[in-house]
Protein backbone atom coordinates (compact mmCIF):
# COMPACT_ATOMS: atom_id res chain seq x y z
CA UNK A 1 0.99 -36.61 -24.59
CA UNK A 2 3.41 -33.70 -25.03
CA UNK A 3 2.88 -30.49 -22.89
CA UNK A 4 1.46 -27.45 -24.65
CA UNK A 5 4.07 -24.95 -25.77
CA UNK A 6 4.34 -21.98 -23.49
CA UNK A 7 3.01 -19.42 -25.99
CA UNK A 8 -0.14 -21.61 -26.39
CA UNK A 9 -0.59 -21.62 -22.60
CA UNK A 10 -0.03 -17.83 -22.30
CA UNK A 11 -2.48 -17.18 -25.14
CA UNK A 12 -5.13 -19.35 -23.51
CA UNK A 13 -4.56 -17.50 -20.12
CA UNK A 14 -4.96 -14.22 -21.88
CA UNK A 15 -8.09 -15.16 -23.49
CA UNK A 16 -9.43 -16.31 -20.15
CA UNK A 17 -8.50 -12.96 -18.67
CA UNK A 18 -10.34 -11.18 -21.37
CA UNK A 19 -13.53 -13.07 -20.81
CA UNK A 20 -13.31 -12.43 -17.14
CA UNK A 21 -12.58 -8.64 -17.72
CA UNK A 22 -15.58 -8.40 -20.04
CA UNK A 23 -17.88 -10.40 -17.80
CA UNK A 24 -17.00 -8.14 -14.87
CA UNK A 25 -17.36 -4.96 -16.82
CA UNK A 26 -20.98 -5.95 -17.26
CA UNK A 27 -21.44 -6.73 -13.51
CA UNK A 28 -22.16 -10.34 -14.43
CA UNK A 29 -21.40 -13.39 -12.25
CA UNK A 30 -20.02 -16.49 -13.92
CA UNK A 31 -23.27 -17.92 -13.38
CA UNK A 32 -25.03 -15.15 -15.43
CA UNK A 33 -22.49 -15.52 -18.28
CA UNK A 34 -23.08 -19.31 -18.23
CA UNK A 35 -26.87 -18.79 -18.50
CA UNK A 36 -26.52 -16.20 -21.31
CA UNK A 37 -24.01 -18.42 -23.24
CA UNK A 38 -25.65 -21.70 -22.52
CA UNK A 39 -22.31 -23.13 -21.05
CA UNK A 40 -21.87 -24.68 -17.60
CA UNK A 41 -20.57 -22.23 -14.80
CA UNK A 42 -17.64 -24.48 -13.95
CA UNK A 43 -16.63 -24.42 -17.58
CA UNK A 44 -16.78 -20.60 -17.67
CA UNK A 45 -14.31 -20.68 -14.64
CA UNK A 46 -11.97 -22.98 -16.41
CA UNK A 47 -12.06 -20.79 -19.46
CA UNK A 48 -11.35 -17.76 -17.21
CA UNK A 49 -8.50 -19.51 -15.45
CA UNK A 50 -6.91 -20.63 -18.78
CA UNK A 51 -7.42 -24.33 -17.74
CA UNK A 52 -9.19 -25.28 -21.05
CA UNK A 53 -8.71 -24.17 -24.67
CA UNK A 54 -12.25 -22.72 -25.70
CA UNK A 55 -13.43 -24.21 -29.00
CA UNK A 56 -14.55 -21.92 -31.78
CA UNK A 57 -18.08 -22.76 -30.93
CA UNK A 58 -17.44 -21.63 -27.15
CA UNK A 59 -15.89 -18.50 -28.47
CA UNK A 60 -18.94 -17.74 -30.65
CA UNK A 61 -21.28 -18.59 -27.60
CA UNK A 62 -19.33 -16.28 -25.29
CA UNK A 63 -19.05 -13.45 -27.79
CA UNK A 64 -22.96 -13.58 -28.36
CA UNK A 65 -23.50 -13.53 -24.64
CA UNK A 66 -21.14 -10.56 -24.25
CA UNK A 67 -22.74 -8.85 -27.25
CA UNK A 68 -19.50 -8.49 -29.23
CA UNK A 69 -18.17 -10.45 -32.21
CA UNK A 70 -16.15 -13.47 -32.02
CA UNK A 71 -13.27 -11.78 -33.55
CA UNK A 72 -13.42 -8.87 -31.01
CA UNK A 73 -13.40 -11.27 -28.22
CA UNK A 74 -10.31 -12.84 -29.57
CA UNK A 75 -8.78 -9.52 -30.26
CA UNK A 76 -9.36 -8.58 -26.55
CA UNK A 77 -7.57 -11.74 -25.33
CA UNK A 78 -4.77 -10.98 -27.87
CA UNK A 79 -4.30 -7.43 -26.60
CA UNK A 80 -3.98 -8.75 -23.10
CA UNK A 81 -1.31 -11.36 -24.20
CA UNK A 82 0.62 -8.43 -25.97
CA UNK A 83 0.46 -6.23 -22.96
CA UNK A 84 1.53 -9.12 -20.61
CA UNK A 85 4.53 -9.92 -22.85
CA UNK A 86 5.60 -6.23 -23.57
CA UNK A 87 5.85 -5.80 -19.71
CA UNK A 88 7.99 -9.05 -19.27
């Protein structure tokens, strides 16, 4: 299997950072986000670390739990990606 392109990895990490920021802004633990999104707590950690690529269904579940649209959740991660790469 070929390794993922660097840009894809950076986007996945930025998405995870965005999820973590939004979760922490609400004062939620990973456990609370897992309960609200009907996902496993360890999977939430993997998403936040950028270890896994979230499916569209997962994006939808996380967005609903965080009370934002899936598009807004993706835009938040994209903004972090842009900010990280503008600084580099």
